[in-house]
Amino acid sequence: MATTLLMPKATAVWLVDNTALSFEQIAAFCSLHPLEVQGVADGDVAGGIMGVNPIQNGQLTREEIERAEADPSYRLKVSDPKVRVAATTKRKGPRYTPISRRNERPNAIRWLLRNHPELKDAQIMRLVGTTKSTIDSVRENTHWNSANIQPMDPVTLGLCSQIDLDLEVKRASKGTASPDEADTGTMLLTAEEALATAGGRTGTTDLQPVDESRRPEQDEDIDADSVFASLKSLKNDNSDND
């Protein structure tokens, strides 16, 4: 049964410093790009991240590392966990943080405030499992341990997953758009609404009023005899003139 590697960047730091594995092997094991692993080795990536020993947390064995060191084409495999944890249903609300990692939450909060200022307090609370008062104290440097707080990636600390962090950042970036622009579209008006709108802006419309006196009477009856009599008289007048 495949398992997910905990703290991949921190694991990559440890493997770079303590093994002879190639960048490609470490990248494949930690789900990173080989150039990113090279940046870890050069000190350009994952600066300030403390390496995590995958042997101690039971996700890798010394024999597996030695086998990979002897064969550069070999790809490391994550060890199956010795304890199976039942999957829990996802629920809304603050994320539960293990007691052993709760003292790392101020470091994660400072990292989020520095690197993702667009995040709202509610989003940070969901990611780290903290309270608004703690976020305010870290932001205002009034936290009781403010002098020792160092910004650290919450994903590296294991407080949240990279997927959750990316999702919250995406939501925050969408929230920067104007709600009116996001929710309002182009709507067609009826003729009556368009005329009423134009009249409200200018005080009058551009249409001229219809002269009712020039409108033909639709209900007036036509007398055929009078029409023929008029035509006959016109014909006789023309004959006399000739």
C-alpha atoms as a PDB file:
ATOM      1  CA  MET A   1       0.000   0.000   0.000  1.00  0.00           C
ATOM      2  CA  ALA A   2       1.515   3.303  -1.104  1.00  0.00           C
ATOM      3  CA  THR A   3       1.907   6.030   1.462  1.00  0.00           C
ATOM      4  CA  THR A   4       2.560   9.747   1.249  1.00  0.00           C
ATOM      5  CA  LEU A   5       5.967  11.068   2.184  1.00  0.00           C
ATOM      6  CA  LEU A   6       5.908  13.437   5.131  1.00  0.00           C
ATOM      7  CA  MET A   7       7.699  16.789   4.756  1.00  0.00           C
ATOM      8  CA  PRO A   8       9.258  16.138   1.341  1.00  0.00           C
ATOM      9  CA  LYS A   9      11.498  19.224   1.271  1.00  0.00           C
ATOM     10  CA  ALA A  10      12.850  18.586   4.746  1.00  0.00           C
ATOM     11  CA  THR A  11      13.451  14.946   3.768  1.00  0.00           C
ATOM     12  CA  ALA A  12      15.270  16.097   0.621  1.00  0.00           C
ATOM     13  CA  VAL A  13      17.516  18.307   2.748  1.00  0.00           C
ATOM     14  CA  TRP A  14      18.458  15.347   4.921  1.00  0.00           C
ATOM     15  CA  LEU A  15      19.079  13.016   1.971  1.00  0.00           C
ATOM     16  CA  VAL A  16      21.291  15.594   0.239  1.00  0.00           C
ATOM     17  CA  ASP A  17      23.372  16.091   3.392  1.00  0.00           C
ATOM     18  CA  ASN A  18      23.603  12.487   4.569  1.00  0.00           C
ATOM     19  CA  THR A  19      23.550  10.188   1.531  1.00  0.00           C
ATOM     20  CA  ALA A  20      25.262   9.714  -1.827  1.00  0.00           C
ATOM     21  CA  LEU A  21      21.988   9.510  -3.734  1.00  0.00           C
ATOM     22  CA  SER A  22      21.716  11.325  -7.055  1.00  0.00           C
ATOM     23  CA  PHE A  23      19.528  14.387  -7.482  1.00  0.00           C
ATOM     24  CA  GLU A  24      17.200  12.360  -9.717  1.00  0.00           C
ATOM     25  CA  GLN A  25      16.735   9.667  -7.071  1.00  0.00           C
ATOM     26  CA  ILE A  26      16.010  12.212  -4.330  1.00  0.00           C
ATOM     27  CA  ALA A  27      13.673  14.148  -6.627  1.00  0.00           C
ATOM     28  CA  ALA A  28      11.698  11.003  -7.502  1.00  0.00           C
ATOM     29  CA  PHE A  29      11.423   9.973  -3.872  1.00  0.00           C
ATOM     30  CA  CYS A  30      10.408  13.431  -2.601  1.00  0.00           C
ATOM     31  CA  SER A  31       8.194  14.319  -5.591  1.00  0.00           C
ATOM     32  CA  LEU A  32      10.391  17.288  -6.462  1.00  0.00           C
ATOM     33  CA  HIS A  33      12.093  18.510  -9.623  1.00  0.00           C
ATOM     34  CA  PRO A  34      15.780  17.547  -9.988  1.00  0.00           C
ATOM     35  CA  LEU A  35      16.677  21.226 -10.369  1.00  0.00           C
ATOM     36  CA  GLU A  36      14.886  21.924  -7.112  1.00  0.00           C
ATOM     37  CA  VAL A  37      16.972  19.244  -5.392  1.00  0.00           C
ATOM     38  CA  GLN A  38      20.085  20.779  -6.908  1.00  0.00           C
ATOM     39  CA  GLY A  39      18.941  24.116  -5.460  1.00  0.00           C
ATOM     40  CA  VAL A  40      18.675  22.436  -2.063  1.00  0.00           C
ATOM     41  CA  ALA A  41      22.266  21.224  -2.412  1.00  0.00           C
ATOM     42  CA  ASP A  42      23.434  24.701  -3.458  1.00  0.00           C
ATOM     43  CA  GLY A  43      21.554  26.361  -0.607  1.00  0.00           C
ATOM     44  CA  ASP A  44      19.258  28.322  -2.948  1.00  0.00           C
ATOM     45  CA  VAL A  45      16.119  26.325  -2.086  1.00  0.00           C
ATOM     46  CA  ALA A  46      14.624  25.368   1.281  1.00  0.00           C
ATOM     47  CA  GLY A  47      16.797  27.827   3.157  1.00  0.00           C
ATOM     48  CA  GLY A  48      16.293  27.571   6.899  1.00  0.00           C
ATOM     49  CA  ILE A  49      14.524  24.203   6.643  1.00  0.00           C
ATOM     50  CA  MET A  50      15.877  21.607   9.062  1.00  0.00           C
ATOM     51  CA  GLY A  51      16.401  18.180   7.550  1.00  0.00           C
ATOM     52  CA  VAL A  52      14.127  15.351   8.638  1.00  0.00           C
ATOM     53  CA  ASN A  53      15.489  11.825   8.885  1.00  0.00           C
ATOM     54  CA  PRO A  54      13.098   9.493   7.000  1.00  0.00           C
ATOM     55  CA  ILE A  55      14.657   6.492   8.747  1.00  0.00           C
ATOM     56  CA  GLN A  56      13.616   7.754  12.169  1.00  0.00           C
ATOM     57  CA  ASN A  57      10.030   8.409  11.136  1.00  0.00           C
ATOM     58  CA  GLY A  58       9.792   4.941   9.591  1.00  0.00           C
ATOM     59  CA  GLN A  59       9.344   5.986   5.973  1.00  0.00           C
ATOM     60  CA  LEU A  60      12.672   4.658   4.727  1.00  0.00           C
ATOM     61  CA  THR A  61      15.169   2.012   5.743  1.00  0.00           C
ATOM     62  CA  ARG A  62      18.971   2.086   5.738  1.00  0.00           C
ATOM     63  CA  GLU A  63      18.993  -0.980   3.466  1.00  0.00           C
ATOM     64  CA  GLU A  64      16.798   0.843   0.941  1.00  0.00           C
ATOM     65  CA  ILE A  65      19.177   3.820   0.884  1.00  0.00           C
ATOM     66  CA  GLU A  66      22.250   1.570   0.450  1.00  0.00           C
ATOM     67  CA  ARG A  67      20.569  -0.279  -2.387  1.00  0.00           C
ATOM     68  CA  ALA A  68      19.799   3.008  -4.157  1.00  0.00           C
ATOM     69  CA  GLU A  69      23.332   4.295  -3.626  1.00  0.00           C
ATOM     70  CA  ALA A  70      24.721   1.161  -5.307  1.00  0.00           C
ATOM     71  CA  ASP A  71      22.369   1.430  -8.302  1.00  0.00           C
ATOM     72  CA  PRO A  72      21.748   4.989  -9.638  1.00  0.00           C
ATOM     73  CA  SER A  73      18.797   3.732 -11.703  1.00  0.00           C
ATOM     74  CA  TYR A  74      17.017   2.384  -8.633  1.00  0.00           C
ATOM     75  CA  ARG A  75      14.132   4.436  -7.235  1.00  0.00           C
ATOM     76  CA  LEU A  76      13.485   4.578  -3.504  1.00  0.00           C
ATOM     77  CA  LYS A  77      10.169   3.335  -2.191  1.00  0.00           C
ATOM     78  CA  VAL A  78       8.366   4.664   0.863  1.00  0.00           C
ATOM     79  CA  SER A  79       8.050   2.033   3.560  1.00  0.00           C
ATOM     80  CA  ASP A  80       4.577   0.928   4.509  1.00  0.00           C
ATOM     81  CA  PRO A  81       3.498   2.328   7.874  1.00  0.00           C
ATOM     82  CA  LYS A  82       3.536  -0.121  10.749  1.00  0.00           C
ATOM     83  CA  VAL A  83       0.344   1.380  12.159  1.00  0.00           C
ATOM     84  CA  ARG A  84      -2.740   1.787  10.010  1.00  0.00           C
ATOM     85  CA  VAL A  85      -4.796   4.877  10.699  1.00  0.00           C
ATOM     86  CA  ALA A  86      -8.433   4.810   9.666  1.00  0.00           C
ATOM     87  CA  ALA A  87      -9.386   7.489   7.185  1.00  0.00           C
ATOM     88  CA  THR A  88     -11.488  10.239   8.663  1.00  0.00           C
ATOM     89  CA  THR A  89     -14.180  12.203   6.906  1.00  0.00           C
ATOM     90  CA  LYS A  90     -13.341  15.767   6.049  1.00  0.00           C
ATOM     91  CA  ARG A  91     -15.153  18.296   8.174  1.00  0.00           C
ATOM     92  CA  LYS A  92     -15.342  22.037   8.294  1.00  0.00           C
ATOM     93  CA  GLY A  93     -13.668  24.081  10.989  1.00  0.00           C
ATOM     94  CA  PRO A  94     -10.118  24.598  12.267  1.00  0.00           C
ATOM     95  CA  ARG A  95      -7.618  21.868  11.493  1.00  0.00           C
ATOM     96  CA  TYR A  96      -6.594  19.633  14.377  1.00  0.00           C
ATOM     97  CA  THR A  97      -2.913  20.057  15.184  1.00  0.00           C
ATOM     98  CA  PRO A  98      -0.998  17.336  17.074  1.00  0.00           C
ATOM     99  CA  ILE A  99       0.248  18.406  20.486  1.00  0.00           C
ATOM    100  CA  SER A 100       3.854  17.775  19.447  1.00  0.00           C
ATOM    101  CA  ARG A 101       3.558  20.393  16.696  1.00  0.00           C
ATOM    102  CA  ARG A 102       1.427  23.056  18.341  1.00  0.00           C
ATOM    103  CA  ASN A 103       4.471  25.021  19.452  1.00  0.00           C
ATOM    104  CA  GLU A 104       5.385  25.407  15.762  1.00  0.00           C
ATOM    105  CA  ARG A 105       2.181  27.212  14.866  1.00  0.00           C
ATOM    106  CA  PRO A 106       3.513  30.754  15.555  1.00  0.00           C
ATOM    107  CA  ASN A 107       6.402  30.044  13.155  1.00  0.00           C
ATOM    108  CA  ALA A 108       3.951  28.919  10.499  1.00  0.00           C
ATOM    109  CA  ILE A 109       1.720  31.948  11.094  1.00  0.00           C
ATOM    110  CA  ARG A 110       4.629  34.342  10.620  1.00  0.00           C
ATOM    111  CA  TRP A 111       5.620  32.547   7.407  1.00  0.00           C
ATOM    112  CA  LEU A 112       2.087  32.827   6.041  1.00  0.00           C
ATOM    113  CA  LEU A 113       1.799  36.504   6.998  1.00  0.00           C
ATOM    114  CA  ARG A 114       5.104  37.252   5.284  1.00  0.00           C
ATOM    115  CA  ASN A 115       4.742  35.143   2.140  1.00  0.00           C
ATOM    116  CA  HIS A 116       0.977  35.229   1.600  1.00  0.00           C
ATOM    117  CA  PRO A 117      -0.391  38.514   2.969  1.00  0.00           C
ATOM    118  CA  GLU A 118      -3.491  38.040   0.825  1.00  0.00           C
ATOM    119  CA  LEU A 119      -4.706  35.237   3.096  1.00  0.00           C
ATOM    120  CA  LYS A 120      -7.474  36.124   5.509  1.00  0.00           C
ATOM    121  CA  ASP A 121      -7.283  35.255   9.185  1.00  0.00           C
ATOM    122  CA  ALA A 122      -9.987  32.619   8.759  1.00  0.00           C
ATOM    123  CA  GLN A 123      -7.909  30.897   6.089  1.00  0.00           C
ATOM    124  CA  ILE A 124      -4.807  30.874   8.298  1.00  0.00           C
ATOM    125  CA  MET A 125      -6.910  29.463  11.114  1.00  0.00           C
ATOM    126  CA  ARG A 126      -8.031  26.610   8.852  1.00  0.00           C
ATOM    127  CA  LEU A 127      -4.519  25.865   7.620  1.00  0.00           C
ATOM    128  CA  VAL A 128      -2.667  25.956  10.923  1.00  0.00           C
ATOM    129  CA  GLY A 129      -5.456  25.186  13.388  1.00  0.00           C
ATOM    130  CA  THR A 130      -4.929  28.320  15.437  1.00  0.00           C
ATOM    131  CA  THR A 131      -7.016  31.190  16.798  1.00  0.00           C
ATOM    132  CA  LYS A 132      -7.463  34.780  15.661  1.00  0.00           C
ATOM    133  CA  SER A 133      -5.936  36.130  18.864  1.00  0.00           C
ATOM    134  CA  THR A 134      -2.748  34.143  18.198  1.00  0.00           C
ATOM    135  CA  ILE A 135      -2.594  35.467  14.633  1.00  0.00           C
ATOM    136  CA  ASP A 136      -3.020  39.040  15.873  1.00  0.00           C
ATOM    137  CA  SER A 137      -0.298  38.591  18.507  1.00  0.00           C
ATOM    138  CA  VAL A 138       2.160  37.266  15.904  1.00  0.00           C
ATOM    139  CA  ARG A 139       1.258  40.038  13.468  1.00  0.00           C
ATOM    140  CA  GLU A 140       1.664  42.760  16.105  1.00  0.00           C
ATOM    141  CA  ASN A 141       4.753  41.150  17.726  1.00  0.00           C
ATOM    142  CA  THR A 142       2.963  40.875  21.068  1.00  0.00           C
ATOM    143  CA  HIS A 143       3.232  37.102  21.289  1.00  0.00           C
ATOM    144  CA  TRP A 144       4.847  35.878  24.514  1.00  0.00           C
ATOM    145  CA  ASN A 145       7.546  34.095  22.482  1.00  0.00           C
ATOM    146  CA  SER A 146       7.827  36.719  19.764  1.00  0.00           C
ATOM    147  CA  ALA A 147      11.621  37.003  20.053  1.00  0.00           C
ATOM    148  CA  ASN A 148      12.086  33.336  19.139  1.00  0.00           C
ATOM    149  CA  ILE A 149       9.503  33.074  16.361  1.00  0.00           C
ATOM    150  CA  GLN A 150      11.062  32.227  13.010  1.00  0.00           C
ATOM    151  CA  PRO A 151       9.038  32.036   9.767  1.00  0.00           C
ATOM    152  CA  MET A 152       8.745  28.405   8.688  1.00  0.00           C
ATOM    153  CA  ASP A 153       6.707  26.789   5.932  1.00  0.00           C
ATOM    154  CA  PRO A 154       3.605  25.118   7.455  1.00  0.00           C
ATOM    155  CA  VAL A 155       3.845  22.378   4.815  1.00  0.00           C
ATOM    156  CA  THR A 156       7.386  21.566   5.919  1.00  0.00           C
ATOM    157  CA  LEU A 157       6.249  21.571   9.535  1.00  0.00           C
ATOM    158  CA  GLY A 158       3.486  19.126   8.669  1.00  0.00           C
ATOM    159  CA  LEU A 159       0.712  21.470   9.820  1.00  0.00           C
ATOM    160  CA  CYS A 160      -1.029  21.403   6.432  1.00  0.00           C
ATOM    161  CA  SER A 161      -0.589  19.901   2.988  1.00  0.00           C
ATOM    162  CA  GLN A 162       0.687  21.721  -0.082  1.00  0.00           C
ATOM    163  CA  ILE A 163      -2.664  21.098  -1.768  1.00  0.00           C
ATOM    164  CA  ASP A 164      -4.551  22.808   1.072  1.00  0.00           C
ATOM    165  CA  LEU A 165      -2.154  25.768   1.029  1.00  0.00           C
ATOM    166  CA  ASP A 166      -2.411  26.192  -2.743  1.00  0.00           C
ATOM    167  CA  LEU A 167      -6.196  25.993  -2.525  1.00  0.00           C
ATOM    168  CA  GLU A 168      -6.424  28.723   0.110  1.00  0.00           C
ATOM    169  CA  VAL A 169      -4.007  30.960  -1.833  1.00  0.00           C
ATOM    170  CA  LYS A 170      -6.089  30.462  -4.969  1.00  0.00           C
ATOM    171  CA  ARG A 171      -9.261  31.357  -3.099  1.00  0.00           C
ATOM    172  CA  ALA A 172      -7.618  34.473  -1.671  1.00  0.00           C
ATOM    173  CA  SER A 173      -6.400  35.594  -5.100  1.00  0.00           C
ATOM    174  CA  LYS A 174      -9.905  35.218  -6.505  1.00  0.00           C
ATOM    175  CA  GLY A 175     -11.284  37.217  -3.591  1.00  0.00           C
ATOM    176  CA  THR A 176      -9.200  40.259  -4.580  1.00  0.00           C
ATOM    177  CA  ALA A 177     -11.447  40.898  -7.565  1.00  0.00           C
ATOM    178  CA  SER A 178     -14.359  43.262  -7.142  1.00  0.00           C
ATOM    179  CA  PRO A 179     -17.530  41.388  -6.180  1.00  0.00           C
ATOM    180  CA  ASP A 180     -19.521  43.634  -8.515  1.00  0.00           C
ATOM    181  CA  GLU A 181     -17.301  42.658 -11.434  1.00  0.00           C
ATOM    182  CA  ALA A 182     -17.465  38.983 -10.539  1.00  0.00           C
ATOM    183  CA  ASP A 183     -21.195  38.731  -9.985  1.00  0.00           C
ATOM    184  CA  THR A 184     -22.605  41.302 -12.417  1.00  0.00           C
ATOM    185  CA  GLY A 185     -22.927  40.475 -16.093  1.00  0.00           C
ATOM    186  CA  THR A 186     -24.371  42.154 -19.150  1.00  0.00           C
ATOM    187  CA  MET A 187     -28.158  42.280 -18.998  1.00  0.00           C
ATOM    188  CA  LEU A 188     -30.582  43.278 -21.735  1.00  0.00           C
ATOM    189  CA  LEU A 189     -33.301  45.791 -20.954  1.00  0.00           C
ATOM    190  CA  THR A 190     -36.773  45.830 -22.340  1.00  0.00           C
ATOM    191  CA  ALA A 191     -37.872  48.729 -24.568  1.00  0.00           C
ATOM    192  CA  GLU A 192     -39.890  50.271 -21.740  1.00  0.00           C
ATOM    193  CA  GLU A 193     -36.935  50.025 -19.318  1.00  0.00           C
ATOM    194  CA  ALA A 194     -34.557  51.515 -21.882  1.00  0.00           C
ATOM    195  CA  LEU A 195     -36.870  54.478 -22.517  1.00  0.00           C
ATOM    196  CA  ALA A 196     -37.399  54.983 -18.800  1.00  0.00           C
ATOM    197  CA  THR A 197     -33.639  54.896 -18.194  1.00  0.00           C
ATOM    198  CA  ALA A 198     -32.944  57.395 -20.994  1.00  0.00           C
ATOM    199  CA  GLY A 199     -35.667  59.687 -19.719  1.00  0.00           C
ATOM    200  CA  GLY A 200     -34.288  59.499 -16.199  1.00  0.00           C
ATOM    201  CA  ARG A 201     -30.819  60.584 -17.382  1.00  0.00           C
ATOM    202  CA  THR A 202     -31.778  63.436 -19.713  1.00  0.00           C
ATOM    203  CA  GLY A 203     -35.174  64.414 -18.426  1.00  0.00           C
ATOM    204  CA  THR A 204     -36.771  63.579 -21.792  1.00  0.00           C
ATOM    205  CA  THR A 205     -36.409  61.106 -24.601  1.00  0.00           C
ATOM    206  CA  ASP A 206     -35.165  61.741 -28.136  1.00  0.00           C
ATOM    207  CA  LEU A 207     -38.435  60.505 -29.644  1.00  0.00           C
ATOM    208  CA  GLN A 208     -40.832  63.172 -30.910  1.00  0.00           C
ATOM    209  CA  PRO A 209     -44.448  62.973 -29.779  1.00  0.00           C
ATOM    210  CA  VAL A 210     -46.868  61.648 -32.340  1.00  0.00           C
ATOM    211  CA  ASP A 211     -49.341  64.146 -33.826  1.00  0.00           C
ATOM    212  CA  GLU A 212     -52.660  62.456 -33.351  1.00  0.00           C
ATOM    213  CA  SER A 213     -54.334  64.855 -35.825  1.00  0.00           C
ATOM    214  CA  ARG A 214     -52.234  63.353 -38.665  1.00  0.00           C
ATOM    215  CA  ARG A 215     -53.060  59.799 -37.768  1.00  0.00           C
ATOM    216  CA  PRO A 216     -55.682  58.317 -40.140  1.00  0.00           C
ATOM    217  CA  GLU A 217     -58.858  57.277 -38.535  1.00  0.00           C
ATOM    218  CA  GLN A 218     -58.869  53.524 -38.589  1.00  0.00           C
ATOM    219  CA  ASP A 219     -62.535  53.257 -37.699  1.00  0.00           C
ATOM    220  CA  GLU A 220     -63.813  55.671 -40.394  1.00  0.00           C
ATOM    221  CA  ASP A 221     -66.147  53.990 -42.945  1.00  0.00           C
ATOM    222  CA  ILE A 222     -65.343  54.491 -46.640  1.00  0.00           C
ATOM    223  CA  ASP A 223     -68.346  55.455 -48.911  1.00  0.00           C
ATOM    224  CA  ALA A 224     -67.794  53.835 -52.343  1.00  0.00           C
ATOM    225  CA  ASP A 225     -70.473  55.913 -54.116  1.00  0.00           C
ATOM    226  CA  SER A 226     -68.962  59.205 -53.049  1.00  0.00           C
ATOM    227  CA  VAL A 227     -65.544  58.053 -54.169  1.00  0.00           C
ATOM    228  CA  PHE A 228     -66.779  57.118 -57.675  1.00  0.00           C
ATOM    229  CA  ALA A 229     -68.772  60.376 -57.906  1.00  0.00           C
ATOM    230  CA  SER A 230     -65.645  62.350 -57.152  1.00  0.00           C
ATOM    231  CA  LEU A 231     -63.695  60.473 -59.786  1.00  0.00           C
ATOM    232  CA  LYS A 232     -66.462  61.033 -62.364  1.00  0.00           C
ATOM    233  CA  SER A 233     -66.579  64.764 -61.692  1.00  0.00           C
ATOM    234  CA  LEU A 234     -62.800  64.987 -62.075  1.00  0.00           C
ATOM    235  CA  LYS A 235     -63.027  63.163 -65.412  1.00  0.00           C
ATOM    236  CA  ASN A 236     -65.720  65.547 -66.690  1.00  0.00           C
ATOM    237  CA  ASP A 237     -63.639  68.549 -65.657  1.00  0.00           C
ATOM    238  CA  ASN A 238     -60.676  67.236 -67.603  1.00  0.00           C
ATOM    239  CA  SER A 239     -62.857  66.687 -70.689  1.00  0.00           C
ATOM    240  CA  ASP A 240     -64.191  70.270 -70.589  1.00  0.00           C
ATOM    241  CA  ASN A 241     -60.674  71.652 -70.349  1.00  0.00           C
ATOM    242  CA  ASP A 242     -59.617  69.720 -73.432  1.00  0.00           C
END
